[in-house]
Amino acid sequence: MQAFAGCGIDVANRAVLSKDSSMADDKPLSDNDADDRLKAALAVLGTAPDRTVAANTALQTARRALSMLSWSLLTSSVRREACNEGAGRPDA
């Protein structure tokens, strides 16, 4: 792993977050936008095991957490849409 570059870490040139990144804007995110960012973070972590037990444990935990957050976000979004359709209300 290379040293910090800007506000992010260059992990085998997969992704670098910086202050100039499109993710740095302040606009509100939709559920899909938030899910895209969770999936991008998961992609940056990759799937390869690390060299130490501690690093490997941390990466496995982070992968699980990001996956669960993504699943939870989409599940709540689907439930909210179903409730809004059943009540005849537009999506909030």
C-alpha atoms as a PDB file:
ATOM      1  CA  MET A   1       0.000   0.000   0.000  1.00  0.00           C
ATOM      2  CA  GLN A   2       1.298   3.417  -0.897  1.00  0.00           C
ATOM      3  CA  ALA A   3       1.367   6.475   1.323  1.00  0.00           C
ATOM      4  CA  PHE A   4      -1.527   8.893   1.715  1.00  0.00           C
ATOM      5  CA  ALA A   5      -2.254  10.955  -1.379  1.00  0.00           C
ATOM      6  CA  GLY A   6      -4.418  14.007  -0.769  1.00  0.00           C
ATOM      7  CA  CYS A   7      -7.373  12.930   1.367  1.00  0.00           C
ATOM      8  CA  GLY A   8      -7.306   9.256   0.356  1.00  0.00           C
ATOM      9  CA  ILE A   9      -5.098   6.261  -0.091  1.00  0.00           C
ATOM     10  CA  ASP A  10      -3.888   4.983  -3.440  1.00  0.00           C
ATOM     11  CA  VAL A  11      -4.506   1.232  -3.264  1.00  0.00           C
ATOM     12  CA  ALA A  12      -2.912  -0.257  -6.373  1.00  0.00           C
ATOM     13  CA  ASN A  13      -4.297   2.687  -8.392  1.00  0.00           C
ATOM     14  CA  ARG A  14      -7.895   1.502  -7.846  1.00  0.00           C
ATOM     15  CA  ALA A  15      -9.200   4.716  -6.337  1.00  0.00           C
ATOM     16  CA  VAL A  16      -7.939   7.934  -4.867  1.00  0.00           C
ATOM     17  CA  LEU A  17     -10.263  10.283  -3.017  1.00  0.00           C
ATOM     18  CA  SER A  18      -9.223  13.882  -2.947  1.00  0.00           C
ATOM     19  CA  LYS A  19     -10.691  17.226  -2.010  1.00  0.00           C
ATOM     20  CA  ASP A  20     -11.424  17.742  -5.720  1.00  0.00           C
ATOM     21  CA  SER A  21     -13.321  14.442  -6.008  1.00  0.00           C
ATOM     22  CA  SER A  22     -16.960  14.464  -7.129  1.00  0.00           C
ATOM     23  CA  MET A  23     -17.729  12.780  -3.799  1.00  0.00           C
ATOM     24  CA  ALA A  24     -16.689  15.953  -1.990  1.00  0.00           C
ATOM     25  CA  ASP A  25     -19.765  17.996  -2.936  1.00  0.00           C
ATOM     26  CA  ASP A  26     -22.413  18.887  -0.363  1.00  0.00           C
ATOM     27  CA  LYS A  27     -25.555  17.949  -2.288  1.00  0.00           C
ATOM     28  CA  PRO A  28     -27.961  15.532  -0.598  1.00  0.00           C
ATOM     29  CA  LEU A  29     -27.567  11.935  -1.746  1.00  0.00           C
ATOM     30  CA  SER A  30     -30.320   9.636  -2.907  1.00  0.00           C
ATOM     31  CA  ASP A  31     -30.433   6.076  -1.620  1.00  0.00           C
ATOM     32  CA  ASN A  32     -28.937   4.921  -4.919  1.00  0.00           C
ATOM     33  CA  ASP A  33     -26.104   7.460  -4.670  1.00  0.00           C
ATOM     34  CA  ALA A  34     -25.308   6.355  -1.121  1.00  0.00           C
ATOM     35  CA  ASP A  35     -25.379   2.707  -2.189  1.00  0.00           C
ATOM     36  CA  ASP A  36     -23.044   3.471  -5.099  1.00  0.00           C
ATOM     37  CA  ARG A  37     -20.564   4.993  -2.665  1.00  0.00           C
ATOM     38  CA  LEU A  38     -20.777   2.009  -0.321  1.00  0.00           C
ATOM     39  CA  LYS A  39     -20.122  -0.324  -3.262  1.00  0.00           C
ATOM     40  CA  ALA A  40     -17.221   1.857  -4.435  1.00  0.00           C
ATOM     41  CA  ALA A  41     -15.660   1.651  -0.967  1.00  0.00           C
ATOM     42  CA  LEU A  42     -16.094  -2.116  -1.040  1.00  0.00           C
ATOM     43  CA  ALA A  43     -14.432  -2.282  -4.461  1.00  0.00           C
ATOM     44  CA  VAL A  44     -11.455  -0.264  -3.189  1.00  0.00           C
ATOM     45  CA  LEU A  45     -10.918  -2.781  -0.396  1.00  0.00           C
ATOM     46  CA  GLY A  46     -10.727  -5.589  -2.941  1.00  0.00           C
ATOM     47  CA  THR A  47     -10.853  -9.263  -2.073  1.00  0.00           C
ATOM     48  CA  ALA A  48      -7.220 -10.205  -1.535  1.00  0.00           C
ATOM     49  CA  PRO A  49      -6.152 -11.273   1.952  1.00  0.00           C
ATOM     50  CA  ASP A  50      -3.580  -9.119   3.700  1.00  0.00           C
ATOM     51  CA  ARG A  51      -0.185 -10.183   5.008  1.00  0.00           C
ATOM     52  CA  THR A  52      -1.012  -9.976   8.699  1.00  0.00           C
ATOM     53  CA  VAL A  53      -3.822 -11.478  10.734  1.00  0.00           C
ATOM     54  CA  ALA A  54      -4.767  -8.069  12.134  1.00  0.00           C
ATOM     55  CA  ALA A  55      -4.977  -6.418   8.711  1.00  0.00           C
ATOM     56  CA  ASN A  56      -6.853  -9.360   7.245  1.00  0.00           C
ATOM     57  CA  THR A  57      -9.349  -9.310  10.129  1.00  0.00           C
ATOM     58  CA  ALA A  58      -9.872  -5.558   9.730  1.00  0.00           C
ATOM     59  CA  LEU A  59     -10.454  -5.852   5.980  1.00  0.00           C
ATOM     60  CA  GLN A  60     -12.857  -8.782   6.350  1.00  0.00           C
ATOM     61  CA  THR A  61     -14.806  -6.853   8.973  1.00  0.00           C
ATOM     62  CA  ALA A  62     -14.925  -3.733   6.805  1.00  0.00           C
ATOM     63  CA  ARG A  63     -16.148  -5.768   3.807  1.00  0.00           C
ATOM     64  CA  ARG A  64     -18.921  -7.334   5.884  1.00  0.00           C
ATOM     65  CA  ALA A  65     -19.929  -3.977   7.363  1.00  0.00           C
ATOM     66  CA  LEU A  66     -20.079  -2.259   3.959  1.00  0.00           C
ATOM     67  CA  SER A  67     -22.097  -5.136   2.507  1.00  0.00           C
ATOM     68  CA  MET A  68     -24.555  -5.067   5.403  1.00  0.00           C
ATOM     69  CA  LEU A  69     -24.926  -1.283   5.189  1.00  0.00           C
ATOM     70  CA  SER A  70     -25.618  -1.504   1.468  1.00  0.00           C
ATOM     71  CA  TRP A  71     -28.190  -4.273   1.989  1.00  0.00           C
ATOM     72  CA  SER A  72     -29.853  -2.385   4.836  1.00  0.00           C
ATOM     73  CA  LEU A  73     -30.052   0.830   2.843  1.00  0.00           C
ATOM     74  CA  LEU A  74     -31.659  -0.865  -0.136  1.00  0.00           C
ATOM     75  CA  THR A  75     -34.034  -2.871   2.055  1.00  0.00           C
ATOM     76  CA  SER A  76     -35.255   0.249   3.836  1.00  0.00           C
ATOM     77  CA  SER A  77     -35.615   2.049   0.511  1.00  0.00           C
ATOM     78  CA  VAL A  78     -37.780  -0.742  -0.896  1.00  0.00           C
ATOM     79  CA  ARG A  79     -39.907  -0.839   2.257  1.00  0.00           C
ATOM     80  CA  ARG A  80     -40.391   2.938   2.193  1.00  0.00           C
ATOM     81  CA  GLU A  81     -41.434   2.813  -1.463  1.00  0.00           C
ATOM     82  CA  ALA A  82     -43.910   0.008  -0.729  1.00  0.00           C
ATOM     83  CA  CYS A  83     -45.411   1.973   2.187  1.00  0.00           C
ATOM     84  CA  ASN A  84     -45.688   5.124   0.107  1.00  0.00           C
ATOM     85  CA  GLU A  85     -47.367   3.259  -2.756  1.00  0.00           C
ATOM     86  CA  GLY A  86     -49.807   1.600  -0.363  1.00  0.00           C
ATOM     87  CA  ALA A  87     -50.699   4.926   1.206  1.00  0.00           C
ATOM     88  CA  GLY A  88     -51.016   6.689  -2.145  1.00  0.00           C
ATOM     89  CA  ARG A  89     -48.275   9.168  -1.230  1.00  0.00           C
ATOM     90  CA  PRO A  90     -45.396  10.214  -3.480  1.00  0.00           C
ATOM     91  CA  ASP A  91     -41.941   9.046  -2.399  1.00  0.00           C
ATOM     92  CA  ALA A  92     -40.455  11.367   0.221  1.00  0.00           C
END
